[in-house]
C-alpha atoms as a PDB file:
ATOM      1  CA  UNK A   1      -0.038   0.008  -0.012  1.00  0.00           C
ATOM      2  CA  UNK A   2       2.896   2.370   0.765  1.00  0.00           C
ATOM      3  CA  UNK A   3       4.229   2.003  -2.740  1.00  0.00           C
ATOM      4  CA  UNK A   4       0.784   2.844  -4.158  1.00  0.00           C
ATOM      5  CA  UNK A   5       0.785   6.132  -2.419  1.00  0.00           C
ATOM      6  CA  UNK A   6       4.098   7.273  -3.630  1.00  0.00           C
ATOM      7  CA  UNK A   7       2.948   8.726  -7.012  1.00  0.00           C
ATOM      8  CA  UNK A   8       0.251  10.652  -5.246  1.00  0.00           C
ATOM      9  CA  UNK A   9       2.632  12.116  -2.708  1.00  0.00           C
ATOM     10  CA  UNK A  10       5.168  12.942  -5.459  1.00  0.00           C
ATOM     11  CA  UNK A  11       2.406  14.761  -7.391  1.00  0.00           C
ATOM     12  CA  UNK A  12       1.313  16.693  -4.315  1.00  0.00           C
ATOM     13  CA  UNK A  13       4.964  17.676  -3.546  1.00  0.00           C
ATOM     14  CA  UNK A  14       5.449  18.889  -7.087  1.00  0.00           C
ATOM     15  CA  UNK A  15       2.251  20.971  -7.005  1.00  0.00           C
ATOM     16  CA  UNK A  16       3.403  22.388  -3.711  1.00  0.00           C
ATOM     17  CA  UNK A  17       6.851  23.329  -5.176  1.00  0.00           C
ATOM     18  CA  UNK A  18       5.238  24.889  -8.232  1.00  0.00           C
ATOM     19  CA  UNK A  19       2.967  27.072  -5.918  1.00  0.00           C
ATOM     20  CA  UNK A  20       5.980  28.062  -3.714  1.00  0.00           C
ATOM     21  CA  UNK A  21       7.981  28.842  -6.863  1.00  0.00           C
ATOM     22  CA  UNK A  22       5.276  31.147  -8.147  1.00  0.00           C
ATOM     23  CA  UNK A  23       4.878  32.853  -4.775  1.00  0.00           C
ATOM     24  CA  UNK A  24       8.485  33.598  -4.386  1.00  0.00           C
ATOM     25  CA  UNK A  25       8.832  34.743  -7.986  1.00  0.00           C
ATOM     26  CA  UNK A  26       5.915  37.080  -7.609  1.00  0.00           C
ATOM     27  CA  UNK A  27       7.430  38.522  -4.376  1.00  0.00           C
ATOM     28  CA  UNK A  28      10.615  39.311  -6.282  1.00  0.00           C
ATOM     29  CA  UNK A  29       8.679  40.848  -9.104  1.00  0.00           C
ATOM     30  CA  UNK A  30       6.524  42.934  -6.659  1.00  0.00           C
ATOM     31  CA  UNK A  31       9.684  44.199  -4.963  1.00  0.00           C
ATOM     32  CA  UNK A  32       8.881  42.477  -1.594  1.00  0.00           C
ATOM     33  CA  UNK A  33      12.347  40.836  -1.999  1.00  0.00           C
ATOM     34  CA  UNK A  34      15.090  43.139  -3.103  1.00  0.00           C
ATOM     35  CA  UNK A  35      18.451  42.334  -4.681  1.00  0.00           C
ATOM     36  CA  UNK A  36      20.640  40.337  -2.321  1.00  0.00           C
ATOM     37  CA  UNK A  37      17.694  39.681   0.127  1.00  0.00           C
ATOM     38  CA  UNK A  38      17.928  36.110   1.490  1.00  0.00           C
ATOM     39  CA  UNK A  39      14.903  33.846   0.931  1.00  0.00           C
ATOM     40  CA  UNK A  40      14.827  31.683   4.033  1.00  0.00           C
ATOM     41  CA  UNK A  41      13.607  28.032   3.683  1.00  0.00           C
ATOM     42  CA  UNK A  42      12.135  27.920   7.143  1.00  0.00           C
ATOM     43  CA  UNK A  43      10.329  31.261   6.904  1.00  0.00           C
ATOM     44  CA  UNK A  44       8.853  30.444   3.489  1.00  0.00           C
ATOM     45  CA  UNK A  45       7.626  27.074   4.736  1.00  0.00           C
ATOM     46  CA  UNK A  46       6.044  28.672   7.732  1.00  0.00           C
ATOM     47  CA  UNK A  47       4.405  31.706   5.768  1.00  0.00           C
ATOM     48  CA  UNK A  48       3.064  29.448   3.053  1.00  0.00           C
ATOM     49  CA  UNK A  49       2.064  26.613   5.425  1.00  0.00           C
ATOM     50  CA  UNK A  50       3.965  23.876   3.517  1.00  0.00           C
ATOM     51  CA  UNK A  51       6.804  21.509   4.368  1.00  0.00           C
ATOM     52  CA  UNK A  52      10.355  22.370   3.769  1.00  0.00           C
ATOM     53  CA  UNK A  53      10.607  19.779   0.946  1.00  0.00           C
ATOM     54  CA  UNK A  54       8.649  21.729  -1.707  1.00  0.00           C
ATOM     55  CA  UNK A  55      10.297  25.050  -0.666  1.00  0.00           C
ATOM     56  CA  UNK A  56      13.763  23.382  -1.107  1.00  0.00           C
ATOM     57  CA  UNK A  57      12.636  22.174  -4.565  1.00  0.00           C
ATOM     58  CA  UNK A  58      11.258  25.624  -5.491  1.00  0.00           C
ATOM     59  CA  UNK A  59      14.495  27.379  -4.313  1.00  0.00           C
ATOM     60  CA  UNK A  60      16.652  25.025  -6.495  1.00  0.00           C
ATOM     61  CA  UNK A  61      14.562  25.793  -9.533  1.00  0.00           C
ATOM     62  CA  UNK A  62      14.659  29.503  -8.994  1.00  0.00           C
ATOM     63  CA  UNK A  63      18.453  29.293  -8.663  1.00  0.00           C
ATOM     64  CA  UNK A  64      18.637  27.380 -11.970  1.00  0.00           C
ATOM     65  CA  UNK A  65      16.365  29.970 -13.592  1.00  0.00           C
ATOM     66  CA  UNK A  66      18.499  32.844 -12.408  1.00  0.00           C
ATOM     67  CA  UNK A  67      16.018  34.538 -10.025  1.00  0.00           C
ATOM     68  CA  UNK A  68      18.162  33.468  -7.007  1.00  0.00           C
ATOM     69  CA  UNK A  69      21.774  32.732  -6.470  1.00  0.00           C
ATOM     70  CA  UNK A  70      23.125  30.073  -4.026  1.00  0.00           C
ATOM     71  CA  UNK A  71      25.681  31.612  -1.581  1.00  0.00           C
ATOM     72  CA  UNK A  72      27.684  28.855   0.101  1.00  0.00           C
ATOM     73  CA  UNK A  73      27.049  28.621   3.874  1.00  0.00           C
ATOM     74  CA  UNK A  74      24.485  31.424   3.662  1.00  0.00           C
ATOM     75  CA  UNK A  75      21.595  30.189   1.542  1.00  0.00           C
ATOM     76  CA  UNK A  76      19.698  31.501  -1.551  1.00  0.00           C
ATOM     77  CA  UNK A  77      19.362  35.263  -2.148  1.00  0.00           C
ATOM     78  CA  UNK A  78      17.766  37.304  -4.914  1.00  0.00           C
ATOM     79  CA  UNK A  79      20.233  37.810  -7.743  1.00  0.00           C
ATOM     80  CA  UNK A  80      21.291  41.196  -8.554  1.00  0.00           C
ATOM     81  CA  UNK A  81      20.654  42.928 -11.893  1.00  0.00           C
ATOM     82  CA  UNK A  82      24.229  43.991 -13.042  1.00  0.00           C
ATOM     83  CA  UNK A  83      25.345  46.114 -16.045  1.00  0.00           C
ATOM     84  CA  UNK A  84      26.612  42.820 -17.723  1.00  0.00           C
ATOM     85  CA  UNK A  85      23.226  41.144 -17.185  1.00  0.00           C
ATOM     86  CA  UNK A  86      21.590  44.165 -18.887  1.00  0.00           C
ATOM     87  CA  UNK A  87      23.885  44.116 -21.848  1.00  0.00           C
ATOM     88  CA  UNK A  88      23.435  40.333 -22.340  1.00  0.00           C
ATOM     89  CA  UNK A  89      19.720  40.421 -22.033  1.00  0.00           C
ATOM     90  CA  UNK A  90      19.078  43.413 -24.261  1.00  0.00           C
ATOM     91  CA  UNK A  91      21.452  42.110 -26.994  1.00  0.00           C
ATOM     92  CA  UNK A  92      19.004  39.080 -27.193  1.00  0.00           C
ATOM     93  CA  UNK A  93      15.907  41.316 -26.987  1.00  0.00           C
ATOM     94  CA  UNK A  94      17.101  43.677 -29.712  1.00  0.00           C
ATOM     95  CA  UNK A  95      17.210  40.607 -32.114  1.00  0.00           C
ATOM     96  CA  UNK A  96      14.251  38.719 -30.898  1.00  0.00           C
ATOM     97  CA  UNK A  97      11.609  41.276 -30.109  1.00  0.00           C
ATOM     98  CA  UNK A  98      11.784  43.155 -33.412  1.00  0.00           C
ATOM     99  CA  UNK A  99      11.541  39.798 -35.104  1.00  0.00           C
ATOM    100  CA  UNK A 100       8.449  38.963 -32.962  1.00  0.00           C
ATOM    101  CA  UNK A 101       6.660  42.257 -33.741  1.00  0.00           C
ATOM    102  CA  UNK A 102       7.440  41.703 -37.505  1.00  0.00           C
ATOM    103  CA  UNK A 103       5.608  38.503 -37.325  1.00  0.00           C
ATOM    104  CA  UNK A 104       2.891  39.772 -35.199  1.00  0.00           C
ATOM    105  CA  UNK A 105       2.025  42.150 -38.100  1.00  0.00           C
ATOM    106  CA  UNK A 106       1.096  39.119 -40.151  1.00  0.00           C
ATOM    107  CA  UNK A 107      -1.080  37.392 -37.465  1.00  0.00           C
ATOM    108  CA  UNK A 108      -2.521  39.937 -34.973  1.00  0.00           C
ATOM    109  CA  UNK A 109      -6.385  40.172 -35.053  1.00  0.00           C
ATOM    110  CA  UNK A 110      -8.696  42.947 -33.923  1.00  0.00           C
ATOM    111  CA  UNK A 111      -9.257  41.395 -30.586  1.00  0.00           C
ATOM    112  CA  UNK A 112      -5.482  41.368 -29.719  1.00  0.00           C
ATOM    113  CA  UNK A 113      -5.121  44.836 -31.049  1.00  0.00           C
ATOM    114  CA  UNK A 114      -7.960  46.117 -28.806  1.00  0.00           C
ATOM    115  CA  UNK A 115      -6.547  44.455 -25.791  1.00  0.00           C
ATOM    116  CA  UNK A 116      -3.080  45.945 -26.410  1.00  0.00           C
ATOM    117  CA  UNK A 117      -4.774  49.432 -26.898  1.00  0.00           C
ATOM    118  CA  UNK A 118      -6.417  49.048 -23.642  1.00  0.00           C
ATOM    119  CA  UNK A 119      -3.175  48.306 -21.854  1.00  0.00           C
ATOM    120  CA  UNK A 120      -1.439  51.286 -23.592  1.00  0.00           C
ATOM    121  CA  UNK A 121      -4.213  53.589 -22.600  1.00  0.00           C
ATOM    122  CA  UNK A 122      -4.186  52.471 -18.899  1.00  0.00           C
ATOM    123  CA  UNK A 123      -0.370  53.070 -18.877  1.00  0.00           C
ATOM    124  CA  UNK A 124      -0.717  56.497 -20.347  1.00  0.00           C
ATOM    125  CA  UNK A 125      -3.253  57.558 -17.779  1.00  0.00           C
ATOM    126  CA  UNK A 126      -1.079  56.180 -14.936  1.00  0.00           C
ATOM    127  CA  UNK A 127       1.842  58.061 -16.239  1.00  0.00           C
ATOM    128  CA  UNK A 128      -0.126  61.349 -16.021  1.00  0.00           C
ATOM    129  CA  UNK A 129      -0.514  60.482 -12.262  1.00  0.00           C
ATOM    130  CA  UNK A 130       2.975  59.304 -11.487  1.00  0.00           C
ATOM    131  CA  UNK A 131       4.457  62.593 -10.149  1.00  0.00           C
ATOM    132  CA  UNK A 132       1.556  62.947  -7.747  1.00  0.00           C
ATOM    133  CA  UNK A 133       1.329  59.165  -6.897  1.00  0.00           C
ATOM    134  CA  UNK A 134       4.804  57.587  -7.196  1.00  0.00           C
ATOM    135  CA  UNK A 135       3.191  54.114  -6.419  1.00  0.00           C
ATOM    136  CA  UNK A 136       1.606  54.262  -9.832  1.00  0.00           C
ATOM    137  CA  UNK A 137       4.992  53.041 -11.227  1.00  0.00           C
ATOM    138  CA  UNK A 138       4.275  49.617  -9.830  1.00  0.00           C
ATOM    139  CA  UNK A 139       1.067  49.320 -11.861  1.00  0.00           C
ATOM    140  CA  UNK A 140       2.655  50.641 -14.980  1.00  0.00           C
ATOM    141  CA  UNK A 141       5.460  48.121 -14.639  1.00  0.00           C
ATOM    142  CA  UNK A 142       2.879  45.299 -14.305  1.00  0.00           C
ATOM    143  CA  UNK A 143       0.962  46.651 -17.388  1.00  0.00           C
ATOM    144  CA  UNK A 144       4.049  47.117 -19.380  1.00  0.00           C
ATOM    145  CA  UNK A 145       5.087  43.425 -18.737  1.00  0.00           C
ATOM    146  CA  UNK A 146       1.629  42.309 -19.931  1.00  0.00           C
ATOM    147  CA  UNK A 147       1.812  44.536 -22.938  1.00  0.00           C
ATOM    148  CA  UNK A 148       5.119  43.056 -24.113  1.00  0.00           C
ATOM    149  CA  UNK A 149       3.919  39.505 -23.282  1.00  0.00           C
ATOM    150  CA  UNK A 150       0.600  39.942 -25.338  1.00  0.00           C
ATOM    151  CA  UNK A 151       2.532  41.574 -28.118  1.00  0.00           C
ATOM    152  CA  UNK A 152       4.944  38.654 -28.342  1.00  0.00           C
ATOM    153  CA  UNK A 153       2.170  36.158 -28.141  1.00  0.00           C
ATOM    154  CA  UNK A 154       0.663  37.705 -31.248  1.00  0.00           C
ATOM    155  CA  UNK A 155       3.599  36.559 -33.438  1.00  0.00           C
ATOM    156  CA  UNK A 156       2.165  32.864 -33.171  1.00  0.00           C
ATOM    157  CA  UNK A 157       5.713  31.411 -33.125  1.00  0.00           C
ATOM    158  CA  UNK A 158       5.789  29.294 -30.048  1.00  0.00           C
ATOM    159  CA  UNK A 159       9.573  28.791 -30.044  1.00  0.00           C
ATOM    160  CA  UNK A 160      10.226  32.568 -30.271  1.00  0.00           C
ATOM    161  CA  UNK A 161       7.563  33.117 -27.492  1.00  0.00           C
ATOM    162  CA  UNK A 162       9.288  30.644 -25.236  1.00  0.00           C
ATOM    163  CA  UNK A 163      12.783  31.991 -25.752  1.00  0.00           C
ATOM    164  CA  UNK A 164      11.574  35.548 -25.128  1.00  0.00           C
ATOM    165  CA  UNK A 165       9.718  34.564 -22.058  1.00  0.00           C
ATOM    166  CA  UNK A 166      12.896  33.168 -20.630  1.00  0.00           C
ATOM    167  CA  UNK A 167      14.989  36.150 -21.544  1.00  0.00           C
ATOM    168  CA  UNK A 168      12.573  38.740 -20.399  1.00  0.00           C
ATOM    169  CA  UNK A 169      11.741  37.047 -17.109  1.00  0.00           C
ATOM    170  CA  UNK A 170      15.403  36.803 -16.279  1.00  0.00           C
ATOM    171  CA  UNK A 171      15.763  40.593 -16.483  1.00  0.00           C
ATOM    172  CA  UNK A 172      12.851  40.940 -14.036  1.00  0.00           C
ATOM    173  CA  UNK A 173      11.726  43.931 -15.968  1.00  0.00           C
ATOM    174  CA  UNK A 174       8.900  44.874 -13.506  1.00  0.00           C
ATOM    175  CA  UNK A 175      11.516  45.924 -10.868  1.00  0.00           C
ATOM    176  CA  UNK A 176      13.174  48.505 -13.020  1.00  0.00           C
ATOM    177  CA  UNK A 177      10.629  51.219 -13.605  1.00  0.00           C
ATOM    178  CA  UNK A 178      11.995  53.146 -10.552  1.00  0.00           C
ATOM    179  CA  UNK A 179      14.716  54.337 -12.895  1.00  0.00           C
ATOM    180  CA  UNK A 180      12.244  55.999 -15.231  1.00  0.00           C
ATOM    181  CA  UNK A 181      11.499  59.648 -14.832  1.00  0.00           C
ATOM    182  CA  UNK A 182       8.504  61.285 -16.206  1.00  0.00           C
ATOM    183  CA  UNK A 183      10.242  61.974 -19.538  1.00  0.00           C
ATOM    184  CA  UNK A 184      11.360  58.327 -19.812  1.00  0.00           C
ATOM    185  CA  UNK A 185       7.907  57.132 -19.110  1.00  0.00           C
ATOM    186  CA  UNK A 186       6.271  59.424 -21.687  1.00  0.00           C
ATOM    187  CA  UNK A 187       8.728  58.355 -24.414  1.00  0.00           C
ATOM    188  CA  UNK A 188       8.024  54.702 -23.505  1.00  0.00           C
ATOM    189  CA  UNK A 189       4.302  55.290 -23.813  1.00  0.00           C
ATOM    190  CA  UNK A 190       4.763  56.995 -27.184  1.00  0.00           C
ATOM    191  CA  UNK A 191       6.737  53.986 -28.388  1.00  0.00           C
ATOM    192  CA  UNK A 192       3.894  51.653 -27.340  1.00  0.00           C
ATOM    193  CA  UNK A 193       1.413  53.761 -29.252  1.00  0.00           C
ATOM    194  CA  UNK A 194       3.453  53.921 -32.468  1.00  0.00           C
ATOM    195  CA  UNK A 195       4.036  50.171 -32.310  1.00  0.00           C
ATOM    196  CA  UNK A 196       0.204  49.757 -32.303  1.00  0.00           C
ATOM    197  CA  UNK A 197      -0.022  52.205 -35.200  1.00  0.00           C
ATOM    198  CA  UNK A 198       2.481  50.208 -37.084  1.00  0.00           C
ATOM    199  CA  UNK A 199       0.587  46.924 -36.347  1.00  0.00           C
ATOM    200  CA  UNK A 200      -2.678  48.522 -37.535  1.00  0.00           C
ATOM    201  CA  UNK A 201      -0.970  49.742 -40.692  1.00  0.00           C
ATOM    202  CA  UNK A 202       0.338  46.117 -41.181  1.00  0.00           C
ATOM    203  CA  UNK A 203       3.859  47.608 -41.552  1.00  0.00           C
ATOM    204  CA  UNK A 204       6.479  45.050 -40.272  1.00  0.00           C
ATOM    205  CA  UNK A 205       9.435  47.351 -40.824  1.00  0.00           C
ATOM    206  CA  UNK A 206       7.871  50.267 -39.073  1.00  0.00           C
ATOM    207  CA  UNK A 207       6.982  48.080 -36.189  1.00  0.00           C
ATOM    208  CA  UNK A 208      10.455  46.617 -36.056  1.00  0.00           C
ATOM    209  CA  UNK A 209      12.187  49.949 -36.081  1.00  0.00           C
ATOM    210  CA  UNK A 210      10.006  51.421 -33.230  1.00  0.00           C
ATOM    211  CA  UNK A 211      10.491  48.346 -31.193  1.00  0.00           C
ATOM    212  CA  UNK A 212      14.235  48.548 -31.610  1.00  0.00           C
ATOM    213  CA  UNK A 213      14.272  52.277 -30.619  1.00  0.00           C
ATOM    214  CA  UNK A 214      12.065  51.349 -27.558  1.00  0.00           C
ATOM    215  CA  UNK A 215      14.539  48.588 -26.340  1.00  0.00           C
ATOM    216  CA  UNK A 216      17.572  50.832 -27.007  1.00  0.00           C
ATOM    217  CA  UNK A 217      16.230  53.497 -24.710  1.00  0.00           C
ATOM    218  CA  UNK A 218      15.384  50.878 -22.132  1.00  0.00           C
ATOM    219  CA  UNK A 219      18.816  49.316 -22.475  1.00  0.00           C
ATOM    220  CA  UNK A 220      20.374  52.724 -21.624  1.00  0.00           C
ATOM    221  CA  UNK A 221      18.423  52.949 -18.378  1.00  0.00           C
ATOM    222  CA  UNK A 222      19.136  49.345 -17.329  1.00  0.00           C
ATOM    223  CA  UNK A 223      22.851  49.576 -17.892  1.00  0.00           C
ATOM    224  CA  UNK A 224      23.127  52.992 -16.202  1.00  0.00           C
ATOM    225  CA  UNK A 225      21.368  51.888 -13.014  1.00  0.00           C
ATOM    226  CA  UNK A 226      22.355  48.312 -12.237  1.00  0.00           C
ATOM    227  CA  UNK A 227      21.584  47.009  -8.786  1.00  0.00           C
ATOM    228  CA  UNK A 228      24.063  47.980  -6.049  1.00  0.00           C
ATOM    229  CA  UNK A 229      26.342  45.059  -5.200  1.00  0.00           C
ATOM    230  CA  UNK A 230      26.620  44.324  -1.515  1.00  0.00           C
ATOM    231  CA  UNK A 231      28.615  41.482   0.313  1.00  0.00           C
ATOM    232  CA  UNK A 232      26.739  38.449   1.666  1.00  0.00           C
ATOM    233  CA  UNK A 233      25.497  38.802   5.257  1.00  0.00           C
ATOM    234  CA  UNK A 234      23.935  36.474   7.775  1.00  0.00           C
END
């Protein structure tokens, strides 16, 4: 009987590990955990009301994906976003995202365009409020991530979608809008709007060029403001 239960227990453990994985990742994206913050196994297990086994599995997976780094004799901590990371990630994005938006011109439908337009409009309205309500940056960052995700999805190239998802999530883009002042935000909103105009006009070259400009501007900010590196602490 004990052997018969093992597959079920394994499945339960994997499900719990997946839930822990998503919870920790979301905390990183939301800024609850900052660069070099330690993610303690015992604390996570207690807070999420799970055993330490799925937490340990989730932490290993997050280390392998680049969200966390393993520090010998200290544990797992949130990986820093360095200038080298920014250059590597944006080198890939500058090749792949213009390619994705080019293909999106051939496949995007009215429903997808309407959804993207709605996201762009919400970001524009929040940008108008950001000087009075700095916390609006968090919502802009969330919407920006979703805008790019849906835009890439519209290319209908599953391999390209998968590669870009891996590249973009490694950059943890939602944590970096604190570097954008009002001028940077307005420029980013203008790029989003022009990309939509290019898609509506079914102009792949126009869409590619605007996306490339959009990413070059973002790369400048990401490489100028990497995370501050600090030594490991207990």
